[in-house]
Amino acid sequence: GTWRFDASVPTRTSYVFKSEPQQSLAPGDSIDYTLGFDRAKTGSDQPISITVDFSHAVPESNENNNNITASFNIL
């Protein structure tokens, strides 16, 4: 089934990007996205968090690999 993702990005005012519905992927498939944003919050260890299929619309054998958080230094 279709799924969506959201991305919490470090902007001066809190912002969460919510995607449009996405096409299903087969087991082992992957997809690359590029997200751009402006008015970045500067500093070290600024977190970006992405969650896919947050509503659990797609049945999966492992729901524990649907999110990731990473930190970046933004100058």
PDB file of N, CA and C in Angstrom:
ATOM      1  N   GLY A   1       0.812  -1.193   0.000  1.00  0.00           N
ATOM      2  CA  GLY A   1       0.000   0.000   0.000  1.00  0.00           C
ATOM      3  C   GLY A   1       0.852   1.251   0.000  1.00  0.00           C
ATOM      4  N   THR A   2       0.199   2.352  -0.113  1.00  0.00           N
ATOM      5  CA  THR A   2       0.933   3.615  -0.094  1.00  0.00           C
ATOM      6  C   THR A   2       1.337   3.972   1.329  1.00  0.00           C
ATOM      7  N   TRP A   3       2.342   4.795   1.438  1.00  0.00           N
ATOM      8  CA  TRP A   3       2.875   5.216   2.724  1.00  0.00           C
ATOM      9  C   TRP A   3       3.311   6.666   2.608  1.00  0.00           C
ATOM     10  N   ARG A   4       3.595   7.270   3.740  1.00  0.00           N
ATOM     11  CA  ARG A   4       4.053   8.662   3.790  1.00  0.00           C
ATOM     12  C   ARG A   4       5.269   8.731   4.707  1.00  0.00           C
ATOM     13  N   PHE A   5       5.974   9.846   4.639  1.00  0.00           N
ATOM     14  CA  PHE A   5       7.060  10.060   5.592  1.00  0.00           C
ATOM     15  C   PHE A   5       7.013  11.486   6.091  1.00  0.00           C
ATOM     16  N   ASP A   6       7.608  11.697   7.244  1.00  0.00           N
ATOM     17  CA  ASP A   6       7.773  13.060   7.727  1.00  0.00           C
ATOM     18  C   ASP A   6       9.230  13.272   8.104  1.00  0.00           C
ATOM     19  N   ALA A   7       9.649  14.520   8.050  1.00  0.00           N
ATOM     20  CA  ALA A   7      11.026  14.888   8.367  1.00  0.00           C
ATOM     21  C   ALA A   7      11.006  16.126   9.247  1.00  0.00           C
ATOM     22  N   SER A   8      11.613  16.009  10.405  1.00  0.00           N
ATOM     23  CA  SER A   8      11.766  17.140  11.315  1.00  0.00           C
ATOM     24  C   SER A   8      13.140  17.739  11.053  1.00  0.00           C
ATOM     25  N   VAL A   9      13.157  18.984  10.584  1.00  0.00           N
ATOM     26  CA  VAL A   9      14.413  19.627  10.202  1.00  0.00           C
ATOM     27  C   VAL A   9      14.701  20.813  11.118  1.00  0.00           C
ATOM     28  N   PRO A  10      15.991  21.103  11.350  1.00  0.00           N
ATOM     29  CA  PRO A  10      16.350  22.176  12.284  1.00  0.00           C
ATOM     30  C   PRO A  10      16.234  23.563  11.650  1.00  0.00           C
ATOM     31  N   THR A  11      15.067  24.134  11.733  1.00  0.00           N
ATOM     32  CA  THR A  11      14.850  25.490  11.241  1.00  0.00           C
ATOM     33  C   THR A  11      14.611  26.421  12.427  1.00  0.00           C
ATOM     34  N   ARG A  12      14.709  27.714  12.179  1.00  0.00           N
ATOM     35  CA  ARG A  12      14.543  28.688  13.271  1.00  0.00           C
ATOM     36  C   ARG A  12      13.189  28.562  13.947  1.00  0.00           C
ATOM     37  N   THR A  13      12.162  28.279  13.159  1.00  0.00           N
ATOM     38  CA  THR A  13      10.859  27.954  13.738  1.00  0.00           C
ATOM     39  C   THR A  13      10.623  26.473  13.461  1.00  0.00           C
ATOM     40  N   SER A  14      10.156  25.755  14.431  1.00  0.00           N
ATOM     41  CA  SER A  14       9.995  24.312  14.307  1.00  0.00           C
ATOM     42  C   SER A  14       9.182  23.961  13.061  1.00  0.00           C
ATOM     43  N   TYR A  15       9.655  22.992  12.290  1.00  0.00           N
ATOM     44  CA  TYR A  15       8.976  22.616  11.056  1.00  0.00           C
ATOM     45  C   TYR A  15       9.084  21.114  10.847  1.00  0.00           C
ATOM     46  N   VAL A  16       7.968  20.487  10.503  1.00  0.00           N
ATOM     47  CA  VAL A  16       7.952  19.075  10.137  1.00  0.00           C
ATOM     48  C   VAL A  16       7.382  18.971   8.731  1.00  0.00           C
ATOM     49  N   PHE A  17       8.199  18.465   7.801  1.00  0.00           N
ATOM     50  CA  PHE A  17       7.758  18.223   6.429  1.00  0.00           C
ATOM     51  C   PHE A  17       6.960  16.931   6.406  1.00  0.00           C
ATOM     52  N   LYS A  18       5.792  16.948   5.774  1.00  0.00           N
ATOM     53  CA  LYS A  18       4.968  15.745   5.620  1.00  0.00           C
ATOM     54  C   LYS A  18       4.811  15.472   4.121  1.00  0.00           C
ATOM     55  N   SER A  19       5.191  14.280   3.706  1.00  0.00           N
ATOM     56  CA  SER A  19       5.169  13.941   2.284  1.00  0.00           C
ATOM     57  C   SER A  19       3.761  13.637   1.789  1.00  0.00           C
ATOM     58  N   GLU A  20       3.630  13.668   0.502  1.00  0.00           N
ATOM     59  CA  GLU A  20       2.442  13.146  -0.167  1.00  0.00           C
ATOM     60  C   GLU A  20       2.524  11.619  -0.108  1.00  0.00           C
ATOM     61  N   PRO A  21       1.437  10.906  -0.375  1.00  0.00           N
ATOM     62  CA  PRO A  21       1.501   9.436  -0.406  1.00  0.00           C
ATOM     63  C   PRO A  21       2.543   8.945  -1.416  1.00  0.00           C
ATOM     64  N   GLN A  22       3.280   7.922  -1.021  1.00  0.00           N
ATOM     65  CA  GLN A  22       4.355   7.355  -1.831  1.00  0.00           C
ATOM     66  C   GLN A  22       3.969   5.956  -2.303  1.00  0.00           C
ATOM     67  N   GLN A  23       4.558   5.534  -3.427  1.00  0.00           N
ATOM     68  CA  GLN A  23       4.319   4.191  -3.959  1.00  0.00           C
ATOM     69  C   GLN A  23       4.972   3.140  -3.072  1.00  0.00           C
ATOM     70  N   SER A  24       4.398   1.964  -3.036  1.00  0.00           N
ATOM     71  CA  SER A  24       4.967   0.855  -2.267  1.00  0.00           C
ATOM     72  C   SER A  24       6.336   0.471  -2.801  1.00  0.00           C
ATOM     73  N   LEU A  25       7.161  -0.055  -1.911  1.00  0.00           N
ATOM     74  CA  LEU A  25       8.464  -0.591  -2.277  1.00  0.00           C
ATOM     75  C   LEU A  25       8.453  -2.088  -2.009  1.00  0.00           C
ATOM     76  N   ALA A  26       9.154  -2.841  -2.838  1.00  0.00           N
ATOM     77  CA  ALA A  26       9.286  -4.281  -2.619  1.00  0.00           C
ATOM     78  C   ALA A  26      10.329  -4.520  -1.528  1.00  0.00           C
ATOM     79  N   PRO A  27      10.298  -5.680  -0.882  1.00  0.00           N
ATOM     80  CA  PRO A  27      11.317  -5.983   0.129  1.00  0.00           C
ATOM     81  C   PRO A  27      12.723  -5.794  -0.438  1.00  0.00           C
ATOM     82  N   GLY A  28      13.562  -5.100   0.301  1.00  0.00           N
ATOM     83  CA  GLY A  28      14.936  -4.844  -0.129  1.00  0.00           C
ATOM     84  C   GLY A  28      15.104  -3.627  -1.008  1.00  0.00           C
ATOM     85  N   ASP A  29      14.011  -3.046  -1.502  1.00  0.00           N
ATOM     86  CA  ASP A  29      14.104  -1.843  -2.328  1.00  0.00           C
ATOM     87  C   ASP A  29      14.460  -0.640  -1.468  1.00  0.00           C
ATOM     88  N   SER A  30      14.959   0.382  -2.115  1.00  0.00           N
ATOM     89  CA  SER A  30      15.227   1.644  -1.425  1.00  0.00           C
ATOM     90  C   SER A  30      14.903   2.786  -2.371  1.00  0.00           C
ATOM     91  N   ILE A  31      14.845   3.974  -1.818  1.00  0.00           N
ATOM     92  CA  ILE A  31      14.562   5.163  -2.612  1.00  0.00           C
ATOM     93  C   ILE A  31      15.341   6.313  -1.991  1.00  0.00           C
ATOM     94  N   ASP A  32      15.822   7.236  -2.814  1.00  0.00           N
ATOM     95  CA  ASP A  32      16.553   8.411  -2.335  1.00  0.00           C
ATOM     96  C   ASP A  32      15.681   9.643  -2.486  1.00  0.00           C
ATOM     97  N   TYR A  33      15.694  10.490  -1.480  1.00  0.00           N
ATOM     98  CA  TYR A  33      14.993  11.767  -1.510  1.00  0.00           C
ATOM     99  C   TYR A  33      15.983  12.857  -1.158  1.00  0.00           C
ATOM    100  N   THR A  34      15.771  14.027  -1.719  1.00  0.00           N
ATOM    101  CA  THR A  34      16.534  15.210  -1.340  1.00  0.00           C
ATOM    102  C   THR A  34      15.554  16.224  -0.786  1.00  0.00           C
ATOM    103  N   LEU A  35      15.781  16.636   0.453  1.00  0.00           N
ATOM    104  CA  LEU A  35      14.936  17.645   1.089  1.00  0.00           C
ATOM    105  C   LEU A  35      15.752  18.911   1.258  1.00  0.00           C
ATOM    106  N   GLY A  36      15.208  20.008   0.825  1.00  0.00           N
ATOM    107  CA  GLY A  36      15.860  21.292   1.033  1.00  0.00           C
ATOM    108  C   GLY A  36      15.051  22.123   2.010  1.00  0.00           C
ATOM    109  N   PHE A  37      15.729  22.958   2.767  1.00  0.00           N
ATOM    110  CA  PHE A  37      15.023  23.852   3.679  1.00  0.00           C
ATOM    111  C   PHE A  37      15.855  25.106   3.877  1.00  0.00           C
ATOM    112  N   ASP A  38      15.179  26.186   4.203  1.00  0.00           N
ATOM    113  CA  ASP A  38      15.885  27.438   4.457  1.00  0.00           C
ATOM    114  C   ASP A  38      15.646  27.859   5.901  1.00  0.00           C
ATOM    115  N   ARG A  39      16.247  28.952   6.289  1.00  0.00           N
ATOM    116  CA  ARG A  39      16.183  29.470   7.664  1.00  0.00           C
ATOM    117  C   ARG A  39      16.634  28.411   8.667  1.00  0.00           C
ATOM    118  N   ALA A  40      17.775  27.780   8.340  1.00  0.00           N
ATOM    119  CA  ALA A  40      18.314  26.738   9.209  1.00  0.00           C
ATOM    120  C   ALA A  40      18.723  27.309  10.557  1.00  0.00           C
ATOM    121  N   LYS A  41      18.559  26.500  11.558  1.00  0.00           N
ATOM    122  CA  LYS A  41      18.992  26.847  12.906  1.00  0.00           C
ATOM    123  C   LYS A  41      20.478  26.494  13.000  1.00  0.00           C
ATOM    124  N   THR A  42      21.331  27.497  13.192  1.00  0.00           N
ATOM    125  CA  THR A  42      22.765  27.250  13.214  1.00  0.00           C
ATOM    126  C   THR A  42      23.199  26.671  14.555  1.00  0.00           C
ATOM    127  N   GLY A  43      24.321  25.971  14.517  1.00  0.00           N
ATOM    128  CA  GLY A  43      24.890  25.413  15.733  1.00  0.00           C
ATOM    129  C   GLY A  43      25.360  23.986  15.521  1.00  0.00           C
ATOM    130  N   SER A  44      25.963  23.450  16.553  1.00  0.00           N
ATOM    131  CA  SER A  44      26.450  22.076  16.468  1.00  0.00           C
ATOM    132  C   SER A  44      25.364  21.102  16.917  1.00  0.00           C
ATOM    133  N   ASP A  45      25.475  19.903  16.429  1.00  0.00           N
ATOM    134  CA  ASP A  45      24.551  18.819  16.791  1.00  0.00           C
ATOM    135  C   ASP A  45      23.085  19.170  16.558  1.00  0.00           C
ATOM    136  N   GLN A  46      22.777  19.740  15.399  1.00  0.00           N
ATOM    137  CA  GLN A  46      21.388  20.041  15.038  1.00  0.00           C
ATOM    138  C   GLN A  46      20.748  18.760  14.492  1.00  0.00           C
ATOM    139  N   PRO A  47      19.668  18.277  15.110  1.00  0.00           N
ATOM    140  CA  PRO A  47      19.096  16.991  14.707  1.00  0.00           C
ATOM    141  C   PRO A  47      18.146  17.090  13.506  1.00  0.00           C
ATOM    142  N   ILE A  48      18.226  16.081  12.663  1.00  0.00           N
ATOM    143  CA  ILE A  48      17.255  15.858  11.592  1.00  0.00           C
ATOM    144  C   ILE A  48      16.689  14.465  11.835  1.00  0.00           C
ATOM    145  N   SER A  49      15.373  14.357  11.854  1.00  0.00           N
ATOM    146  CA  SER A  49      14.722  13.086  12.141  1.00  0.00           C
ATOM    147  C   SER A  49      13.733  12.765  11.026  1.00  0.00           C
ATOM    148  N   ILE A  50      13.795  11.542  10.520  1.00  0.00           N
ATOM    149  CA  ILE A  50      12.891  11.109   9.448  1.00  0.00           C
ATOM    150  C   ILE A  50      12.182   9.837   9.896  1.00  0.00           C
ATOM    151  N   THR A  51      10.866   9.816   9.725  1.00  0.00           N
ATOM    152  CA  THR A  51      10.053   8.645  10.040  1.00  0.00           C
ATOM    153  C   THR A  51       9.235   8.286   8.809  1.00  0.00           C
ATOM    154  N   VAL A  52       9.302   7.026   8.404  1.00  0.00           N
ATOM    155  CA  VAL A  52       8.506   6.557   7.270  1.00  0.00           C
ATOM    156  C   VAL A  52       7.369   5.685   7.778  1.00  0.00           C
ATOM    157  N   ASP A  53       6.298   5.678   7.037  1.00  0.00           N
ATOM    158  CA  ASP A  53       5.113   4.880   7.372  1.00  0.00           C
ATOM    159  C   ASP A  53       4.699   5.079   8.828  1.00  0.00           C
ATOM    160  N   PHE A  54       4.642   6.357   9.242  1.00  0.00           N
ATOM    161  CA  PHE A  54       4.334   6.683  10.641  1.00  0.00           C
ATOM    162  C   PHE A  54       2.943   6.242  11.064  1.00  0.00           C
ATOM    163  N   SER A  55       2.042   6.024  10.114  1.00  0.00           N
ATOM    164  CA  SER A  55       0.690   5.569  10.460  1.00  0.00           C
ATOM    165  C   SER A  55       0.558   4.046  10.364  1.00  0.00           C
ATOM    166  N   HIS A  56       1.677   3.360  10.072  1.00  0.00           N
ATOM    167  CA  HIS A  56       1.705   1.892   9.954  1.00  0.00           C
ATOM    168  C   HIS A  56       0.697   1.393   8.920  1.00  0.00           C
ATOM    169  N   ALA A  57       0.627   2.092   7.791  1.00  0.00           N
ATOM    170  CA  ALA A  57      -0.295   1.721   6.715  1.00  0.00           C
ATOM    171  C   ALA A  57       0.181   0.494   5.948  1.00  0.00           C
ATOM    172  N   VAL A  58       1.490   0.234   5.966  1.00  0.00           N
ATOM    173  CA  VAL A  58       2.055  -0.895   5.232  1.00  0.00           C
ATOM    174  C   VAL A  58       2.411  -2.004   6.222  1.00  0.00           C
ATOM    175  N   PRO A  59       1.835  -3.202   6.051  1.00  0.00           N
ATOM    176  CA  PRO A  59       2.192  -4.309   6.940  1.00  0.00           C
ATOM    177  C   PRO A  59       3.658  -4.704   6.718  1.00  0.00           C
ATOM    178  N   GLU A  60       4.413  -4.807   7.798  1.00  0.00           N
ATOM    179  CA  GLU A  60       5.831  -5.144   7.704  1.00  0.00           C
ATOM    180  C   GLU A  60       6.185  -6.158   8.782  1.00  0.00           C
ATOM    181  N   SER A  61       7.203  -6.962   8.515  1.00  0.00           N
ATOM    182  CA  SER A  61       7.678  -7.901   9.537  1.00  0.00           C
ATOM    183  C   SER A  61       8.507  -7.182  10.591  1.00  0.00           C
ATOM    184  N   ASN A  62       9.051  -5.998  10.257  1.00  0.00           N
ATOM    185  CA  ASN A  62       9.852  -5.229  11.208  1.00  0.00           C
ATOM    186  C   ASN A  62       9.456  -3.758  11.125  1.00  0.00           C
ATOM    187  N   GLU A  63       8.733  -3.272  12.105  1.00  0.00           N
ATOM    188  CA  GLU A  63       8.332  -1.856  12.158  1.00  0.00           C
ATOM    189  C   GLU A  63       9.382  -0.999  12.874  1.00  0.00           C
ATOM    190  N   ASN A  64      10.448  -1.638  13.373  1.00  0.00           N
ATOM    191  CA  ASN A  64      11.441  -0.925  14.174  1.00  0.00           C
ATOM    192  C   ASN A  64      12.516  -0.225  13.354  1.00  0.00           C
ATOM    193  N   ASN A  65      12.465  -0.329  12.036  1.00  0.00           N
ATOM    194  CA  ASN A  65      13.483   0.313  11.205  1.00  0.00           C
ATOM    195  C   ASN A  65      12.890   1.440  10.360  1.00  0.00           C
ATOM    196  N   ASN A  66      11.859   2.078  10.855  1.00  0.00           N
ATOM    197  CA  ASN A  66      11.159   3.108  10.084  1.00  0.00           C
ATOM    198  C   ASN A  66      11.528   4.531  10.479  1.00  0.00           C
ATOM    199  N   ASN A  67      12.534   4.698  11.312  1.00  0.00           N
ATOM    200  CA  ASN A  67      12.938   6.063  11.648  1.00  0.00           C
ATOM    201  C   ASN A  67      14.446   6.136  11.839  1.00  0.00           C
ATOM    202  N   ILE A  68      14.959   7.346  11.649  1.00  0.00           N
ATOM    203  CA  ILE A  68      16.380   7.606  11.833  1.00  0.00           C
ATOM    204  C   ILE A  68      16.547   9.058  12.260  1.00  0.00           C
ATOM    205  N   THR A  69      17.521   9.285  13.099  1.00  0.00           N
ATOM    206  CA  THR A  69      17.877  10.637  13.510  1.00  0.00           C
ATOM    207  C   THR A  69      19.381  10.791  13.355  1.00  0.00           C
ATOM    208  N   ALA A  70      19.791  11.915  12.819  1.00  0.00           N
ATOM    209  CA  ALA A  70      21.211  12.234  12.677  1.00  0.00           C
ATOM    210  C   ALA A  70      21.408  13.686  13.073  1.00  0.00           C
ATOM    211  N   SER A  71      22.609  14.011  13.518  1.00  0.00           N
ATOM    212  CA  SER A  71      22.918  15.388  13.905  1.00  0.00           C
ATOM    213  C   SER A  71      24.002  15.951  12.998  1.00  0.00           C
ATOM    214  N   PHE A  72      23.879  17.245  12.704  1.00  0.00           N
ATOM    215  CA  PHE A  72      24.806  17.932  11.817  1.00  0.00           C
ATOM    216  C   PHE A  72      25.228  19.252  12.436  1.00  0.00           C
ATOM    217  N   ASN A  73      26.401  19.720  12.036  1.00  0.00           N
ATOM    218  CA  ASN A  73      26.824  21.070  12.384  1.00  0.00           C
ATOM    219  C   ASN A  73      26.380  21.990  11.263  1.00  0.00           C
ATOM    220  N   ILE A  74      25.634  23.012  11.590  1.00  0.00           N
ATOM    221  CA  ILE A  74      25.133  23.957  10.594  1.00  0.00           C
ATOM    222  C   ILE A  74      25.758  25.312  10.882  1.00  0.00           C
ATOM    223  N   LEU A  75      26.493  25.806   9.903  1.00  0.00           N
ATOM    224  CA  LEU A  75      27.200  27.080  10.067  1.00  0.00           C
ATOM    225  C   LEU A  75      26.352  28.249   9.657  1.00  0.00           C
TER     226      LEU A  75
END
